[in-house]
Amino acid sequence: MTLGSPTKRSVTIAGHETSISLEPMFWAALEGVARDERLPLNALIARIDVERMDGPGDPPNLTSAIRQWLFQRVTNRCGE
């Protein structure tokens, strides 16, 4: 596993450009999920954004939501 500093990328969500800073391992994981689901990376991030806004309580920031979404995905797959 290679650890690294966060890298900032611009993404477009619902026609609005925003920047997200994630460590390389999280970008790689997101790209892998997008590839597996045959989605553009922006579309996957937009889906995560909708899920975070629809969740209970105050939504986390998008970067935190992405990390939590990826962790939950791995955890769910380990339980299968």
PDB file of N, CA and C in Angstrom:
ATOM      1  N   MET A   1       0.853  -1.173   0.000  1.00  0.00           N
ATOM      2  CA  MET A   1       0.000   0.000   0.000  1.00  0.00           C
ATOM      3  C   MET A   1       0.896   1.232   0.000  1.00  0.00           C
ATOM      4  N   THR A   2       0.557   2.165  -0.868  1.00  0.00           N
ATOM      5  CA  THR A   2       1.303   3.405  -0.947  1.00  0.00           C
ATOM      6  C   THR A   2       0.497   4.522  -0.308  1.00  0.00           C
ATOM      7  N   LEU A   3       1.080   5.147   0.685  1.00  0.00           N
ATOM      8  CA  LEU A   3       0.428   6.278   1.335  1.00  0.00           C
ATOM      9  C   LEU A   3       0.882   7.552   0.643  1.00  0.00           C
ATOM     10  N   GLY A   4       0.007   8.508   0.567  1.00  0.00           N
ATOM     11  CA  GLY A   4       0.372   9.759  -0.079  1.00  0.00           C
ATOM     12  C   GLY A   4      -0.467  10.905   0.434  1.00  0.00           C
ATOM     13  N   SER A   5      -0.032  12.083   0.103  1.00  0.00           N
ATOM     14  CA  SER A   5      -0.753  13.296   0.491  1.00  0.00           C
ATOM     15  C   SER A   5      -1.981  13.469  -0.389  1.00  0.00           C
ATOM     16  N   PRO A   6      -2.992  14.151   0.133  1.00  0.00           N
ATOM     17  CA  PRO A   6      -4.184  14.395  -0.684  1.00  0.00           C
ATOM     18  C   PRO A   6      -3.851  15.137  -1.978  1.00  0.00           C
ATOM     19  N   THR A   7      -4.582  14.762  -3.015  1.00  0.00           N
ATOM     20  CA  THR A   7      -4.473  15.406  -4.317  1.00  0.00           C
ATOM     21  C   THR A   7      -5.816  16.050  -4.617  1.00  0.00           C
ATOM     22  N   LYS A   8      -5.784  17.300  -5.034  1.00  0.00           N
ATOM     23  CA  LYS A   8      -7.018  18.021  -5.331  1.00  0.00           C
ATOM     24  C   LYS A   8      -7.359  17.842  -6.811  1.00  0.00           C
ATOM     25  N   ARG A   9      -8.633  17.529  -7.069  1.00  0.00           N
ATOM     26  CA  ARG A   9      -9.138  17.420  -8.442  1.00  0.00           C
ATOM     27  C   ARG A   9     -10.447  18.188  -8.535  1.00  0.00           C
ATOM     28  N   SER A  10     -10.698  18.708  -9.717  1.00  0.00           N
ATOM     29  CA  SER A  10     -11.974  19.370  -9.980  1.00  0.00           C
ATOM     30  C   SER A  10     -12.935  18.359 -10.575  1.00  0.00           C
ATOM     31  N   VAL A  11     -14.155  18.363 -10.089  1.00  0.00           N
ATOM     32  CA  VAL A  11     -15.210  17.498 -10.616  1.00  0.00           C
ATOM     33  C   VAL A  11     -16.454  18.358 -10.839  1.00  0.00           C
ATOM     34  N   THR A  12     -17.312  17.887 -11.727  1.00  0.00           N
ATOM     35  CA  THR A  12     -18.554  18.590 -12.007  1.00  0.00           C
ATOM     36  C   THR A  12     -19.715  17.757 -11.494  1.00  0.00           C
ATOM     37  N   ILE A  13     -20.521  18.356 -10.636  1.00  0.00           N
ATOM     38  CA  ILE A  13     -21.690  17.697 -10.052  1.00  0.00           C
ATOM     39  C   ILE A  13     -22.898  18.571 -10.355  1.00  0.00           C
ATOM     40  N   ALA A  14     -23.852  18.011 -11.073  1.00  0.00           N
ATOM     41  CA  ALA A  14     -25.081  18.736 -11.434  1.00  0.00           C
ATOM     42  C   ALA A  14     -24.760  20.080 -12.087  1.00  0.00           C
ATOM     43  N   GLY A  15     -23.771  20.076 -12.982  1.00  0.00           N
ATOM     44  CA  GLY A  15     -23.409  21.280 -13.702  1.00  0.00           C
ATOM     45  C   GLY A  15     -22.588  22.283 -12.914  1.00  0.00           C
ATOM     46  N   HIS A  16     -22.183  21.915 -11.714  1.00  0.00           N
ATOM     47  CA  HIS A  16     -21.448  22.820 -10.826  1.00  0.00           C
ATOM     48  C   HIS A  16     -20.066  22.219 -10.559  1.00  0.00           C
ATOM     49  N   GLU A  17     -19.023  23.001 -10.816  1.00  0.00           N
ATOM     50  CA  GLU A  17     -17.660  22.510 -10.602  1.00  0.00           C
ATOM     51  C   GLU A  17     -17.254  22.714  -9.147  1.00  0.00           C
ATOM     52  N   THR A  18     -16.631  21.680  -8.589  1.00  0.00           N
ATOM     53  CA  THR A  18     -16.141  21.746  -7.212  1.00  0.00           C
ATOM     54  C   THR A  18     -14.813  21.005  -7.133  1.00  0.00           C
ATOM     55  N   SER A  19     -14.043  21.280  -6.116  1.00  0.00           N
ATOM     56  CA  SER A  19     -12.759  20.600  -5.913  1.00  0.00           C
ATOM     57  C   SER A  19     -12.870  19.623  -4.759  1.00  0.00           C
ATOM     58  N   ILE A  20     -12.232  18.481  -4.935  1.00  0.00           N
ATOM     59  CA  ILE A  20     -12.209  17.451  -3.899  1.00  0.00           C
ATOM     60  C   ILE A  20     -10.754  17.062  -3.675  1.00  0.00           C
ATOM     61  N   SER A  21     -10.344  16.992  -2.420  1.00  0.00           N
ATOM     62  CA  SER A  21      -8.992  16.551  -2.064  1.00  0.00           C
ATOM     63  C   SER A  21      -9.079  15.178  -1.419  1.00  0.00           C
ATOM     64  N   LEU A  22      -8.463  14.197  -2.060  1.00  0.00           N
ATOM     65  CA  LEU A  22      -8.420  12.829  -1.541  1.00  0.00           C
ATOM     66  C   LEU A  22      -7.019  12.270  -1.710  1.00  0.00           C
ATOM     67  N   GLU A  23      -6.671  11.345  -0.842  1.00  0.00           N
ATOM     68  CA  GLU A  23      -5.410  10.640  -0.969  1.00  0.00           C
ATOM     69  C   GLU A  23      -5.468   9.746  -2.216  1.00  0.00           C
ATOM     70  N   PRO A  24      -4.288   9.464  -2.820  1.00  0.00           N
ATOM     71  CA  PRO A  24      -4.252   8.665  -4.054  1.00  0.00           C
ATOM     72  C   PRO A  24      -5.000   7.332  -3.958  1.00  0.00           C
ATOM     73  N   MET A  25      -4.943   6.663  -2.797  1.00  0.00           N
ATOM     74  CA  MET A  25      -5.635   5.367  -2.687  1.00  0.00           C
ATOM     75  C   MET A  25      -7.147   5.529  -2.833  1.00  0.00           C
ATOM     76  N   PHE A  26      -7.700   6.645  -2.364  1.00  0.00           N
ATOM     77  CA  PHE A  26      -9.136   6.869  -2.503  1.00  0.00           C
ATOM     78  C   PHE A  26      -9.500   7.224  -3.942  1.00  0.00           C
ATOM     79  N   TRP A  27      -8.647   8.012  -4.619  1.00  0.00           N
ATOM     80  CA  TRP A  27      -8.899   8.281  -6.038  1.00  0.00           C
ATOM     81  C   TRP A  27      -8.860   6.974  -6.831  1.00  0.00           C
ATOM     82  N   ALA A  28      -7.885   6.133  -6.549  1.00  0.00           N
ATOM     83  CA  ALA A  28      -7.774   4.852  -7.260  1.00  0.00           C
ATOM     84  C   ALA A  28      -8.996   3.974  -7.000  1.00  0.00           C
ATOM     85  N   ALA A  29      -9.457   3.940  -5.757  1.00  0.00           N
ATOM     86  CA  ALA A  29     -10.636   3.138  -5.419  1.00  0.00           C
ATOM     87  C   ALA A  29     -11.875   3.670  -6.132  1.00  0.00           C
ATOM     88  N   LEU A  30     -12.047   4.987  -6.142  1.00  0.00           N
ATOM     89  CA  LEU A  30     -13.191   5.586  -6.837  1.00  0.00           C
ATOM     90  C   LEU A  30     -13.149   5.269  -8.327  1.00  0.00           C
ATOM     91  N   GLU A  31     -11.973   5.405  -8.922  1.00  0.00           N
ATOM     92  CA  GLU A  31     -11.833   5.114 -10.349  1.00  0.00           C
ATOM     93  C   GLU A  31     -12.149   3.651 -10.634  1.00  0.00           C
ATOM     94  N   GLY A  32     -11.739   2.756  -9.737  1.00  0.00           N
ATOM     95  CA  GLY A  32     -12.038   1.339  -9.900  1.00  0.00           C
ATOM     96  C   GLY A  32     -13.528   1.055  -9.836  1.00  0.00           C
ATOM     97  N   VAL A  33     -14.222   1.667  -8.890  1.00  0.00           N
ATOM     98  CA  VAL A  33     -15.674   1.479  -8.777  1.00  0.00           C
ATOM     99  C   VAL A  33     -16.365   2.042 -10.019  1.00  0.00           C
ATOM    100  N   ALA A  34     -15.956   3.227 -10.443  1.00  0.00           N
ATOM    101  CA  ALA A  34     -16.560   3.838 -11.636  1.00  0.00           C
ATOM    102  C   ALA A  34     -16.368   2.927 -12.850  1.00  0.00           C
ATOM    103  N   ARG A  35     -15.186   2.370 -12.988  1.00  0.00           N
ATOM    104  CA  ARG A  35     -14.900   1.452 -14.103  1.00  0.00           C
ATOM    105  C   ARG A  35     -15.778   0.208 -13.998  1.00  0.00           C
ATOM    106  N   ASP A  36     -15.852  -0.381 -12.798  1.00  0.00           N
ATOM    107  CA  ASP A  36     -16.667  -1.584 -12.591  1.00  0.00           C
ATOM    108  C   ASP A  36     -18.144  -1.329 -12.895  1.00  0.00           C
ATOM    109  N   GLU A  37     -18.617  -0.152 -12.555  1.00  0.00           N
ATOM    110  CA  GLU A  37     -20.031   0.176 -12.751  1.00  0.00           C
ATOM    111  C   GLU A  37     -20.290   0.872 -14.086  1.00  0.00           C
ATOM    112  N   ARG A  38     -19.223   1.010 -14.872  1.00  0.00           N
ATOM    113  CA  ARG A  38     -19.311   1.645 -16.196  1.00  0.00           C
ATOM    114  C   ARG A  38     -19.934   3.043 -16.112  1.00  0.00           C
ATOM    115  N   LEU A  39     -19.418   3.808 -15.172  1.00  0.00           N
ATOM    116  CA  LEU A  39     -19.881   5.179 -14.954  1.00  0.00           C
ATOM    117  C   LEU A  39     -18.709   6.142 -15.099  1.00  0.00           C
ATOM    118  N   PRO A  40     -18.957   7.345 -15.598  1.00  0.00           N
ATOM    119  CA  PRO A  40     -17.922   8.372 -15.504  1.00  0.00           C
ATOM    120  C   PRO A  40     -17.674   8.679 -14.022  1.00  0.00           C
ATOM    121  N   LEU A  41     -16.454   9.045 -13.695  1.00  0.00           N
ATOM    122  CA  LEU A  41     -16.107   9.356 -12.307  1.00  0.00           C
ATOM    123  C   LEU A  41     -17.027  10.441 -11.740  1.00  0.00           C
ATOM    124  N   ASN A  42     -17.306  11.476 -12.538  1.00  0.00           N
ATOM    125  CA  ASN A  42     -18.197  12.547 -12.064  1.00  0.00           C
ATOM    126  C   ASN A  42     -19.576  12.011 -11.708  1.00  0.00           C
ATOM    127  N   ALA A  43     -20.080  11.049 -12.480  1.00  0.00           N
ATOM    128  CA  ALA A  43     -21.410  10.481 -12.205  1.00  0.00           C
ATOM    129  C   ALA A  43     -21.409   9.708 -10.889  1.00  0.00           C
ATOM    130  N   LEU A  44     -20.341   8.959 -10.627  1.00  0.00           N
ATOM    131  CA  LEU A  44     -20.252   8.225  -9.361  1.00  0.00           C
ATOM    132  C   LEU A  44     -20.197   9.195  -8.186  1.00  0.00           C
ATOM    133  N   ILE A  45     -19.383  10.224  -8.307  1.00  0.00           N
ATOM    134  CA  ILE A  45     -19.280  11.213  -7.230  1.00  0.00           C
ATOM    135  C   ILE A  45     -20.616  11.926  -7.034  1.00  0.00           C
ATOM    136  N   ALA A  46     -21.319  12.211  -8.111  1.00  0.00           N
ATOM    137  CA  ALA A  46     -22.643  12.843  -8.002  1.00  0.00           C
ATOM    138  C   ALA A  46     -23.614  11.929  -7.262  1.00  0.00           C
ATOM    139  N   ARG A  47     -23.537  10.629  -7.517  1.00  0.00           N
ATOM    140  CA  ARG A  47     -24.409   9.673  -6.822  1.00  0.00           C
ATOM    141  C   ARG A  47     -24.101   9.660  -5.321  1.00  0.00           C
ATOM    142  N   ILE A  48     -22.820   9.661  -4.979  1.00  0.00           N
ATOM    143  CA  ILE A  48     -22.423   9.702  -3.566  1.00  0.00           C
ATOM    144  C   ILE A  48     -22.921  11.004  -2.930  1.00  0.00           C
ATOM    145  N   ASP A  49     -22.833  12.099  -3.675  1.00  0.00           N
ATOM    146  CA  ASP A  49     -23.296  13.390  -3.173  1.00  0.00           C
ATOM    147  C   ASP A  49     -24.792  13.353  -2.862  1.00  0.00           C
ATOM    148  N   VAL A  50     -25.590  12.768  -3.738  1.00  0.00           N
ATOM    149  CA  VAL A  50     -27.036  12.660  -3.502  1.00  0.00           C
ATOM    150  C   VAL A  50     -27.299  11.809  -2.263  1.00  0.00           C
ATOM    151  N   GLU A  51     -26.594  10.687  -2.146  1.00  0.00           N
ATOM    152  CA  GLU A  51     -26.781   9.803  -0.984  1.00  0.00           C
ATOM    153  C   GLU A  51     -26.448  10.521   0.321  1.00  0.00           C
ATOM    154  N   ARG A  52     -25.378  11.322   0.314  1.00  0.00           N
ATOM    155  CA  ARG A  52     -24.997  12.016   1.557  1.00  0.00           C
ATOM    156  C   ARG A  52     -26.036  13.057   1.935  1.00  0.00           C
ATOM    157  N   MET A  53     -26.633  13.723   0.944  1.00  0.00           N
ATOM    158  CA  MET A  53     -27.635  14.751   1.227  1.00  0.00           C
ATOM    159  C   MET A  53     -28.962  14.138   1.671  1.00  0.00           C
ATOM    160  N   ASP A  54     -29.232  12.907   1.235  1.00  0.00           N
ATOM    161  CA  ASP A  54     -30.481  12.229   1.599  1.00  0.00           C
ATOM    162  C   ASP A  54     -30.385  11.477   2.925  1.00  0.00           C
ATOM    163  N   GLY A  55     -29.189  11.403   3.496  1.00  0.00           N
ATOM    164  CA  GLY A  55     -29.000  10.660   4.740  1.00  0.00           C
ATOM    165  C   GLY A  55     -29.573  11.405   5.937  1.00  0.00           C
ATOM    166  N   PRO A  56     -29.625  10.724   7.075  1.00  0.00           N
ATOM    167  CA  PRO A  56     -30.161  11.349   8.291  1.00  0.00           C
ATOM    168  C   PRO A  56     -29.195  12.384   8.870  1.00  0.00           C
ATOM    169  N   GLY A  57     -29.743  13.352   9.544  1.00  0.00           N
ATOM    170  CA  GLY A  57     -28.916  14.343  10.233  1.00  0.00           C
ATOM    171  C   GLY A  57     -28.208  15.287   9.283  1.00  0.00           C
ATOM    172  N   ASP A  58     -27.236  15.999   9.834  1.00  0.00           N
ATOM    173  CA  ASP A  58     -26.443  16.921   9.029  1.00  0.00           C
ATOM    174  C   ASP A  58     -25.516  16.120   8.125  1.00  0.00           C
ATOM    175  N   PRO A  59     -25.501  16.411   6.832  1.00  0.00           N
ATOM    176  CA  PRO A  59     -24.636  15.649   5.934  1.00  0.00           C
ATOM    177  C   PRO A  59     -23.162  15.985   6.172  1.00  0.00           C
ATOM    178  N   PRO A  60     -22.293  14.987   6.018  1.00  0.00           N
ATOM    179  CA  PRO A  60     -20.856  15.261   6.112  1.00  0.00           C
ATOM    180  C   PRO A  60     -20.411  16.028   4.868  1.00  0.00           C
ATOM    181  N   ASN A  61     -19.207  16.588   4.914  1.00  0.00           N
ATOM    182  CA  ASN A  61     -18.711  17.220   3.695  1.00  0.00           C
ATOM    183  C   ASN A  61     -18.487  16.128   2.642  1.00  0.00           C
ATOM    184  N   LEU A  62     -18.395  16.527   1.387  1.00  0.00           N
ATOM    185  CA  LEU A  62     -18.336  15.558   0.296  1.00  0.00           C
ATOM    186  C   LEU A  62     -17.105  14.660   0.390  1.00  0.00           C
ATOM    187  N   THR A  63     -15.971  15.210   0.730  1.00  0.00           N
ATOM    188  CA  THR A  63     -14.759  14.395   0.839  1.00  0.00           C
ATOM    189  C   THR A  63     -14.926  13.312   1.897  1.00  0.00           C
ATOM    190  N   SER A  64     -15.455  13.677   3.038  1.00  0.00           N
ATOM    191  CA  SER A  64     -15.705  12.705   4.099  1.00  0.00           C
ATOM    192  C   SER A  64     -16.726  11.668   3.646  1.00  0.00           C
ATOM    193  N   ALA A  65     -17.769  12.111   2.951  1.00  0.00           N
ATOM    194  CA  ALA A  65     -18.795  11.185   2.460  1.00  0.00           C
ATOM    195  C   ALA A  65     -18.199  10.168   1.487  1.00  0.00           C
ATOM    196  N   ILE A  66     -17.287  10.607   0.639  1.00  0.00           N
ATOM    197  CA  ILE A  66     -16.649   9.691  -0.317  1.00  0.00           C
ATOM    198  C   ILE A  66     -15.839   8.639   0.426  1.00  0.00           C
ATOM    199  N   ARG A  67     -15.041   9.056   1.385  1.00  0.00           N
ATOM    200  CA  ARG A  67     -14.242   8.090   2.152  1.00  0.00           C
ATOM    201  C   ARG A  67     -15.143   7.084   2.873  1.00  0.00           C
ATOM    202  N   GLN A  68     -16.207   7.590   3.512  1.00  0.00           N
ATOM    203  CA  GLN A  68     -17.132   6.705   4.228  1.00  0.00           C
ATOM    204  C   GLN A  68     -17.848   5.764   3.268  1.00  0.00           C
ATOM    205  N   TRP A  69     -18.246   6.253   2.100  1.00  0.00           N
ATOM    206  CA  TRP A  69     -18.936   5.444   1.102  1.00  0.00           C
ATOM    207  C   TRP A  69     -18.025   4.307   0.632  1.00  0.00           C
ATOM    208  N   LEU A  70     -16.761   4.642   0.364  1.00  0.00           N
ATOM    209  CA  LEU A  70     -15.812   3.611  -0.073  1.00  0.00           C
ATOM    210  C   LEU A  70     -15.573   2.581   1.032  1.00  0.00           C
ATOM    211  N   PHE A  71     -15.427   3.038   2.271  1.00  0.00           N
ATOM    212  CA  PHE A  71     -15.217   2.113   3.385  1.00  0.00           C
ATOM    213  C   PHE A  71     -16.419   1.188   3.546  1.00  0.00           C
ATOM    214  N   GLN A  72     -17.613   1.761   3.475  1.00  0.00           N
ATOM    215  CA  GLN A  72     -18.827   0.953   3.606  1.00  0.00           C
ATOM    216  C   GLN A  72     -18.928  -0.068   2.475  1.00  0.00           C
ATOM    217  N   ARG A  73     -18.544   0.320   1.278  1.00  0.00           N
ATOM    218  CA  ARG A  73     -18.567  -0.604   0.135  1.00  0.00           C
ATOM    219  C   ARG A  73     -17.638  -1.789   0.385  1.00  0.00           C
ATOM    220  N   VAL A  74     -16.433  -1.512   0.860  1.00  0.00           N
ATOM    221  CA  VAL A  74     -15.477  -2.587   1.156  1.00  0.00           C
ATOM    222  C   VAL A  74     -16.005  -3.460   2.289  1.00  0.00           C
ATOM    223  N   THR A  75     -16.519  -2.843   3.334  1.00  0.00           N
ATOM    224  CA  THR A  75     -17.059  -3.589   4.474  1.00  0.00           C
ATOM    225  C   THR A  75     -18.210  -4.489   4.041  1.00  0.00           C
ATOM    226  N   ASN A  76     -19.110  -3.963   3.222  1.00  0.00           N
ATOM    227  CA  ASN A  76     -20.237  -4.761   2.734  1.00  0.00           C
ATOM    228  C   ASN A  76     -19.761  -5.942   1.894  1.00  0.00           C
ATOM    229  N   ARG A  77     -18.752  -5.717   1.074  1.00  0.00           N
ATOM    230  CA  ARG A  77     -18.231  -6.804   0.234  1.00  0.00           C
ATOM    231  C   ARG A  77     -17.533  -7.875   1.063  1.00  0.00           C
ATOM    232  N   CYS A  78     -16.894  -7.475   2.141  1.00  0.00           N
ATOM    233  CA  CYS A  78     -16.233  -8.457   3.018  1.00  0.00           C
ATOM    234  C   CYS A  78     -17.260  -9.338   3.716  1.00  0.00           C
ATOM    235  N   GLY A  79     -18.457  -8.809   3.930  1.00  0.00           N
ATOM    236  CA  GLY A  79     -19.508  -9.551   4.608  1.00  0.00           C
ATOM    237  C   GLY A  79     -20.302 -10.466   3.693  1.00  0.00           C
ATOM    238  N   GLU A  80     -20.062 -10.367   2.388  1.00  0.00           N
ATOM    239  CA  GLU A  80     -20.825 -11.192   1.434  1.00  0.00           C
ATOM    240  C   GLU A  80     -20.363 -12.625   1.440  1.00  0.00           C
TER     241      GLU A  80
END
